[in-house]
């Protein structure tokens, strides 16, 4: 631009565009490179003012003040952007570590069953969500939970923590499956109430009111599978969660709850306890537990992902290979709008396993 103004004659005037260089640099560069660009730009801008006949007492003060102001503002903007980028990166590291702590890797085998799990984040820039899974052994029976907290983002982490802590505590206390939904519901609502009380004490009436509203609106859909005996049957409790799929003998069958139940966090509104359903498991059968982000993913035409149809092609695969194929197919089919958690439970074909 300096060369164009110097040798371009009276019809070419590009020197003013130089003022945009520091501002543009602030979009992608740090404060130090922006300072360097501004230091190089200012003398060149003075030369263009001279060449264009504006280096005089009438025009120069305003033009130079504008150039300095733009340069200082660009450096400041670069500093703010870089600071926010560091804070965002730190937040991502913290949330990634937090989720890794909450969603502990599941063992590949629990007694007579093989287990595999997967978590898909809807946002490539995020690793955190309200979907969760865990497993435990209660009186020798493998037990797996898959849950989906209402909402998404950092605000759901607390509820995920409450739920998984309650699930593991129930396993330590030997809570039977029939009583587990009520146990989880009581624990989650109790922890939310305790958190709300703390927020009210420290944050005034506004935060107390917000915490109370949150307790009233918070809920978690939950499905729990418990394998019986040598793996010949599985017992299910379902609290408002998508029905698991049973892959057996080359066929895919949905296992809906025999009586619908409200999600955890709302079970105090239920009159009857959550019903436990029992289903047969043959050797090689696979049970798929998942969150609603899987079946609510849409393609460009707006059609939901046809899980029961697609998964039929992989019924003979091992749990890990099945989930790998399912993830790949889902990514090709649709852009995820919600996180997805999936767990497979397969009765081993090895005798005596």
Protein backbone atom coordinates (compact mmCIF):
# COMPACT_ATOMS: atom_id res chain seq x y z
CA UNK A 1 0.00 0.00 0.00
CA UNK A 2 2.90 2.32 0.73
CA UNK A 3 4.37 1.59 -2.71
CA UNK A 4 0.95 2.08 -4.34
CA UNK A 5 0.51 5.51 -2.74
CA UNK A 6 4.11 6.56 -3.51
CA UNK A 7 4.21 5.52 -7.13
CA UNK A 8 0.55 5.25 -8.05
CA UNK A 9 0.00 8.89 -8.80
CA UNK A 10 -2.78 11.13 -7.58
CA UNK A 11 -5.53 8.64 -8.47
CA UNK A 12 -4.31 5.94 -6.05
CA UNK A 13 -4.87 6.51 -2.34
CA UNK A 14 -4.52 3.33 -0.28
CA UNK A 15 -2.67 4.63 2.77
CA UNK A 16 -5.81 4.80 4.90
CA UNK A 17 -6.27 1.05 4.61
CA UNK A 18 -3.11 0.66 6.70
CA UNK A 19 -5.14 1.65 9.75
CA UNK A 20 -7.06 -1.63 9.46
CA UNK A 21 -3.94 -3.81 9.72
CA UNK A 22 -3.56 -3.78 13.54
CA UNK A 23 -7.30 -4.36 13.98
CA UNK A 24 -7.24 -7.31 11.58
CA UNK A 25 -4.14 -8.74 13.27
CA UNK A 26 -5.89 -8.59 16.65
CA UNK A 27 -8.43 -11.13 15.37
CA UNK A 28 -5.89 -13.96 15.13
CA UNK A 29 -2.61 -12.73 16.68
CA UNK A 30 -1.45 -11.97 20.20
CA UNK A 31 -0.64 -8.50 21.58
CA UNK A 32 3.11 -8.70 20.77
CA UNK A 33 2.63 -9.34 17.01
CA UNK A 34 -0.02 -6.60 16.94
CA UNK A 35 2.45 -4.15 18.52
CA UNK A 36 5.05 -5.09 15.88
CA UNK A 37 2.54 -4.54 13.09
CA UNK A 38 1.48 -1.20 14.58
CA UNK A 39 5.12 -0.05 14.92
CA UNK A 40 5.75 -0.89 11.28
CA UNK A 41 2.45 0.61 10.15
CA UNK A 42 2.78 4.03 11.82
CA UNK A 43 5.95 5.26 10.00
CA UNK A 44 4.58 3.94 6.72
CA UNK A 45 1.32 5.76 7.36
CA UNK A 46 3.22 9.00 8.03
CA UNK A 47 4.99 8.58 4.68
CA UNK A 48 1.65 8.13 2.88
CA UNK A 49 0.32 11.27 4.57
CA UNK A 50 3.34 13.15 3.26
CA UNK A 51 3.02 11.73 -0.24
CA UNK A 52 -0.69 12.55 -0.31
CA UNK A 53 -0.09 16.10 0.93
CA UNK A 54 -1.84 15.61 4.27
CA UNK A 55 1.19 15.94 6.54
CA UNK A 56 0.24 19.43 7.72
CA UNK A 57 -1.08 21.07 10.87
CA UNK A 58 -4.66 20.76 9.71
CA UNK A 59 -4.85 17.05 8.80
CA UNK A 60 -1.88 15.36 10.47
CA UNK A 61 -2.96 15.65 14.16
CA UNK A 62 -6.34 13.98 13.53
CA UNK A 63 -4.90 11.32 11.20
CA UNK A 64 -2.03 10.42 13.55
CA UNK A 65 -4.31 10.41 16.60
CA UNK A 66 -6.67 8.06 14.76
CA UNK A 67 -3.78 5.74 13.85
CA UNK A 68 -2.52 5.68 17.45
CA UNK A 69 -6.01 5.09 18.83
CA UNK A 70 -6.65 2.21 16.42
CA UNK A 71 -3.27 0.67 17.28
CA UNK A 72 -3.79 0.91 21.04
CA UNK A 73 -7.31 -0.47 20.76
CA UNK A 74 -6.06 -3.36 18.61
CA UNK A 75 -3.37 -4.26 21.14
CA UNK A 76 -5.96 -4.13 23.93
CA UNK A 77 -8.38 -6.31 21.97
CA UNK A 78 -5.61 -8.83 21.28
CA UNK A 79 -4.80 -9.01 24.99
CA UNK A 80 -8.44 -9.58 25.91
CA UNK A 81 -8.88 -12.23 23.21
CA UNK A 82 -5.71 -14.04 24.28
CA UNK A 83 -6.75 -13.94 27.95
CA UNK A 84 -10.19 -15.36 27.14
CA UNK A 85 -8.62 -18.04 24.97
CA UNK A 86 -6.40 -19.10 27.90
CA UNK A 87 -9.37 -19.13 30.26
CA UNK A 88 -11.42 -21.20 27.80
CA UNK A 89 -8.60 -23.70 27.37
CA UNK A 90 -8.21 -23.97 31.12
CA UNK A 91 -11.97 -24.49 31.48
CA UNK A 92 -11.89 -27.23 28.86
CA UNK A 93 -9.05 -29.00 30.66
CA UNK A 94 -10.92 -28.82 33.95
CA UNK A 95 -14.19 -30.08 32.48
CA UNK A 96 -12.38 -32.88 30.65
CA UNK A 97 -10.72 -34.01 33.89
CA UNK A 98 -14.02 -33.71 35.74
CA UNK A 99 -15.87 -35.83 33.22
CA UNK A 100 -13.07 -38.39 33.17
CA UNK A 101 -13.45 -38.63 36.94
CA UNK A 102 -17.24 -38.96 36.82
CA UNK A 103 -17.39 -41.33 33.85
CA UNK A 104 -14.85 -43.85 34.97
CA UNK A 105 -13.90 -46.44 32.34
CA UNK A 106 -16.15 -49.47 32.61
CA UNK A 107 -14.50 -52.87 33.01
CA UNK A 108 -14.57 -55.03 29.91
CA UNK A 109 -16.13 -57.86 31.90
CA UNK A 110 -18.32 -58.15 34.97
CA UNK A 111 -19.00 -61.77 35.91
CA UNK A 112 -20.90 -63.47 33.09
CA UNK A 113 -21.22 -60.38 30.87
CA UNK A 114 -18.94 -58.34 28.63
CA UNK A 115 -19.34 -54.55 28.74
CA UNK A 116 -18.39 -51.72 26.42
CA UNK A 117 -19.22 -48.00 26.54
CA UNK A 118 -18.94 -44.88 24.39
CA UNK A 119 -19.60 -41.17 24.82
CA UNK A 120 -20.13 -38.79 21.90
CA UNK A 121 -20.15 -35.04 22.50
CA UNK A 122 -22.47 -33.03 20.27
CA UNK A 123 -20.05 -30.10 20.30
CA UNK A 124 -16.56 -30.86 19.05
CA UNK A 125 -15.24 -28.04 21.24
CA UNK A 126 -16.84 -29.46 24.36
CA UNK A 127 -16.29 -32.63 26.37
CA UNK A 128 -18.94 -32.16 28.97
CA UNK A 129 -22.62 -33.00 29.09
CA UNK A 130 -25.47 -34.40 31.16
CA UNK A 131 -25.25 -37.99 29.90
CA UNK A 132 -23.70 -40.52 32.25
CA UNK A 133 -23.08 -44.21 32.82
CA UNK A 134 -21.56 -46.39 35.51
CA UNK A 135 -21.51 -49.98 36.71
CA UNK A 136 -21.32 -51.83 40.01
CA UNK A 137 -21.67 -55.31 41.47
CA UNK A 138 -24.38 -55.84 44.10
CA UNK A 139 -24.47 -59.20 45.88
CA UNK A 140 -22.63 -60.74 42.94
CA UNK A 141 -24.99 -59.25 40.35
CA UNK A 142 -23.53 -56.90 37.71
CA UNK A 143 -25.52 -53.65 37.55
CA UNK A 144 -25.26 -50.93 34.86
CA UNK A 145 -26.86 -47.48 34.85
CA UNK A 146 -27.28 -45.06 31.93
CA UNK A 147 -28.74 -41.63 32.68
CA UNK A 148 -29.48 -38.31 31.04
CA UNK A 149 -29.76 -35.14 33.14
CA UNK A 150 -32.15 -32.47 31.92
CA UNK A 151 -30.21 -29.68 30.21
CA UNK A 152 -26.57 -29.62 29.19
CA UNK A 153 -23.29 -27.92 29.93
CA UNK A 154 -21.54 -27.27 33.22
CA UNK A 155 -24.80 -26.80 35.13
CA UNK A 156 -25.60 -30.50 34.75
CA UNK A 157 -22.30 -31.72 36.18
CA UNK A 158 -23.47 -31.29 39.75
CA UNK A 159 -26.55 -33.42 39.18
CA UNK A 160 -24.48 -36.09 37.38
CA UNK A 161 -22.18 -36.16 40.41
CA UNK A 162 -25.13 -36.52 42.80
CA UNK A 163 -26.67 -39.33 40.75
CA UNK A 164 -23.52 -41.40 40.26
CA UNK A 165 -22.51 -40.94 43.89
CA UNK A 166 -25.93 -42.22 44.95
CA UNK A 167 -25.70 -45.15 42.54
CA UNK A 168 -22.33 -46.22 43.93
CA UNK A 169 -23.50 -45.72 47.51
CA UNK A 170 -26.53 -47.89 46.81
CA UNK A 171 -24.20 -50.64 45.60
CA UNK A 172 -22.11 -50.38 48.76
CA UNK A 173 -25.23 -50.61 50.91
CA UNK A 174 -26.62 -53.52 48.89
CA UNK A 175 -29.84 -51.69 47.93
CA UNK A 176 -31.96 -54.13 45.91
CA UNK A 177 -33.02 -53.13 42.39
CA UNK A 178 -36.67 -52.73 43.38
CA UNK A 179 -35.72 -50.00 45.87
CA UNK A 180 -33.02 -48.36 43.77
CA UNK A 181 -35.19 -45.74 41.94
CA UNK A 182 -36.54 -44.37 45.23
CA UNK A 183 -33.04 -44.41 46.74
CA UNK A 184 -31.64 -42.41 43.79
CA UNK A 185 -34.56 -40.01 43.81
CA UNK A 186 -34.23 -39.27 47.52
CA UNK A 187 -30.46 -38.81 47.29
CA UNK A 188 -30.56 -36.48 44.29
CA UNK A 189 -33.35 -34.29 45.70
CA UNK A 190 -31.64 -34.20 49.10
CA UNK A 191 -28.31 -33.12 47.59
CA UNK A 192 -30.01 -30.49 45.44
CA UNK A 193 -31.84 -29.14 48.48
CA UNK A 194 -28.60 -28.99 50.46
CA UNK A 195 -26.90 -27.15 47.60
CA UNK A 196 -29.82 -24.75 47.38
CA UNK A 197 -29.62 -24.02 51.11
CA UNK A 198 -25.93 -23.18 50.80
CA UNK A 199 -26.61 -20.92 47.81
CA UNK A 200 -29.39 -19.19 49.73
CA UNK A 201 -27.18 -18.53 52.73
CA UNK A 202 -24.34 -17.12 50.65
CA UNK A 203 -26.17 -15.40 47.82
CA UNK A 204 -29.30 -13.78 49.21
CA UNK A 205 -32.93 -14.20 48.26
CA UNK A 206 -32.29 -14.09 44.49
CA UNK A 207 -29.98 -17.08 44.48
CA UNK A 208 -32.17 -18.93 46.97
CA UNK A 209 -35.19 -18.45 44.71
CA UNK A 210 -33.19 -19.59 41.68
CA UNK A 211 -31.95 -22.67 43.54
CA UNK A 212 -35.50 -23.51 44.61
CA UNK A 213 -36.74 -23.22 41.04
CA UNK A 214 -33.91 -25.45 39.90
CA UNK A 215 -34.83 -28.14 42.43
CA UNK A 216 -38.43 -28.10 41.24
CA UNK A 217 -37.46 -28.40 37.56
CA UNK A 218 -34.50 -30.79 37.73
CA UNK A 219 -34.95 -34.41 36.70
CA UNK A 220 -32.90 -37.30 35.33
CA UNK A 221 -34.06 -40.08 33.02
CA UNK A 222 -32.51 -43.34 34.16
CA UNK A 223 -32.38 -46.97 33.06
CA UNK A 224 -30.68 -49.64 35.17
CA UNK A 225 -29.93 -53.19 34.06
CA UNK A 226 -29.04 -55.94 36.53
CA UNK A 227 -27.82 -59.34 35.31
CA UNK A 228 -29.17 -62.33 37.20
CA UNK A 229 -27.40 -65.59 38.04
CA UNK A 230 -25.06 -66.84 35.32
CA UNK A 231 -26.40 -64.25 32.88
CA UNK A 232 -29.57 -66.09 31.95
CA UNK A 233 -31.75 -63.04 32.60
CA UNK A 234 -31.60 -59.27 32.96
CA UNK A 235 -33.80 -57.15 35.23
CA UNK A 236 -34.60 -53.58 34.15
CA UNK A 237 -35.94 -50.48 35.86
CA UNK A 238 -36.74 -47.55 33.59
CA UNK A 239 -37.48 -44.03 34.84
CA UNK A 240 -38.57 -42.05 31.79
CA UNK A 241 -35.60 -43.25 29.70
CA UNK A 242 -35.48 -44.58 26.10
CA UNK A 243 -36.19 -48.30 26.02
CA UNK A 244 -33.09 -50.54 25.72
CA UNK A 245 -32.63 -52.76 22.69
CA UNK A 246 -32.04 -56.51 22.94
CA UNK A 247 -30.01 -58.02 20.11
CA UNK A 248 -30.78 -61.73 20.13
CA UNK A 249 -30.57 -64.43 17.46
CA UNK A 250 -29.97 -61.91 14.69
CA UNK A 251 -33.04 -59.90 15.67
CA UNK A 252 -33.49 -56.54 17.36
CA UNK A 253 -36.18 -56.13 19.99
CA UNK A 254 -37.13 -53.07 22.05
CA UNK A 255 -37.66 -53.62 25.77
CA UNK A 256 -40.09 -50.88 26.90
CA UNK A 257 -41.11 -50.57 30.53
CA UNK A 258 -44.26 -52.54 31.30
CA UNK A 259 -45.47 -49.53 33.25
CA UNK A 260 -44.10 -46.04 32.44
CA UNK A 261 -42.45 -44.20 35.34
CA UNK A 262 -41.42 -40.61 35.95
CA UNK A 263 -37.74 -39.61 35.87
CA UNK A 264 -35.57 -39.48 38.98
CA UNK A 265 -36.18 -36.19 40.73
CA UNK A 266 -39.93 -36.45 40.15
CA UNK A 267 -40.64 -39.85 41.66
CA UNK A 268 -42.20 -38.27 44.73
CA UNK A 269 -45.15 -37.63 42.41
CA UNK A 270 -45.55 -41.36 41.71
CA UNK A 271 -48.16 -43.32 43.64
CA UNK A 272 -46.73 -46.79 42.93
CA UNK A 273 -43.09 -47.89 43.03
CA UNK A 274 -41.21 -48.28 39.75
CA UNK A 275 -41.82 -51.72 38.30
CA UNK A 276 -38.93 -54.12 37.63
CA UNK A 277 -39.15 -56.06 34.34
CA UNK A 278 -37.27 -59.30 33.69
CA UNK A 279 -36.08 -60.51 30.26
CA UNK A 280 -34.28 -63.64 29.15
CA UNK A 281 -30.65 -63.45 28.03
CA UNK A 282 -29.24 -66.24 25.88
CA UNK A 283 -25.52 -66.76 25.35
CA UNK A 284 -24.30 -64.12 22.88
CA UNK A 285 -27.27 -61.79 23.40
CA UNK A 286 -26.43 -58.09 23.66
CA UNK A 287 -28.35 -55.40 25.49
CA UNK A 288 -27.87 -51.79 24.31
CA UNK A 289 -28.54 -48.96 26.77
CA UNK A 290 -28.37 -45.43 25.37
CA UNK A 291 -29.46 -41.82 25.85
CA UNK A 292 -32.01 -40.02 23.69
CA UNK A 293 -29.38 -38.11 21.70
CA UNK A 294 -28.87 -41.31 19.70
CA UNK A 295 -32.44 -41.68 18.45
CA UNK A 296 -33.11 -37.94 18.19
CA UNK A 297 -30.23 -37.26 15.78
CA UNK A 298 -31.62 -36.09 12.43
CA UNK A 299 -30.31 -36.17 8.89
CA UNK A 300 -30.55 -33.24 6.46
CA UNK A 301 -34.13 -34.20 5.59
CA UNK A 302 -35.13 -34.05 9.25
CA UNK A 303 -35.55 -37.81 9.67
CA UNK A 304 -34.56 -39.37 13.00
CA UNK A 305 -31.75 -41.89 13.14
CA UNK A 306 -33.38 -45.35 12.60
CA UNK A 307 -31.46 -47.13 15.34
CA UNK A 308 -33.39 -50.42 15.35
CA UNK A 309 -32.98 -50.78 11.58
CA UNK A 310 -29.30 -49.84 11.36
CA UNK A 311 -28.04 -51.82 14.32
CA UNK A 312 -29.36 -55.05 12.89
CA UNK A 313 -26.36 -55.24 10.57
CA UNK A 314 -23.95 -55.52 13.51
CA UNK A 315 -25.74 -57.88 15.90
CA UNK A 316 -23.03 -60.55 15.58
CA UNK A 317 -20.16 -58.19 16.47
CA UNK A 318 -18.45 -57.92 19.83
CA UNK A 319 -19.67 -55.11 22.11
CA UNK A 320 -16.73 -52.85 21.33
CA UNK A 321 -16.93 -53.43 17.56
CA UNK A 322 -20.68 -52.87 17.62
CA UNK A 323 -20.32 -49.48 19.33
CA UNK A 324 -17.53 -48.48 16.93
CA UNK A 325 -19.73 -49.26 13.93
CA UNK A 326 -22.69 -47.49 15.51
CA UNK A 327 -20.68 -44.32 16.21
CA UNK A 328 -19.28 -44.22 12.67
CA UNK A 329 -22.69 -44.73 11.11
CA UNK A 330 -24.30 -42.10 13.34
CA UNK A 331 -21.67 -39.50 12.47
CA UNK A 332 -22.23 -40.14 8.76
CA UNK A 333 -26.01 -40.05 9.13
CA UNK A 334 -26.47 -36.83 11.08
CA UNK A 335 -24.90 -33.94 12.90
CA UNK A 336 -25.40 -34.50 16.61
CA UNK A 337 -27.48 -31.91 18.44
CA UNK A 338 -27.23 -33.66 21.80
CA UNK A 339 -24.62 -35.74 23.57
CA UNK A 340 -24.90 -39.53 23.35
CA UNK A 341 -23.92 -42.15 25.91
CA UNK A 342 -24.09 -45.86 25.02
CA UNK A 343 -23.36 -49.04 26.93
CA UNK A 344 -23.57 -52.62 25.68
CA UNK A 345 -24.00 -55.61 27.98
CA UNK A 346 -23.40 -58.98 26.32
CA UNK A 347 -23.81 -62.40 27.86
CA UNK A 348 -20.59 -64.25 27.28
CA UNK A 349 -20.52 -67.31 25.06
CA UNK A 350 -17.63 -68.83 27.00
CA UNK A 351 -18.75 -71.75 29.17
CA UNK A 352 -18.58 -71.02 32.87
CA UNK A 353 -17.75 -67.34 32.33
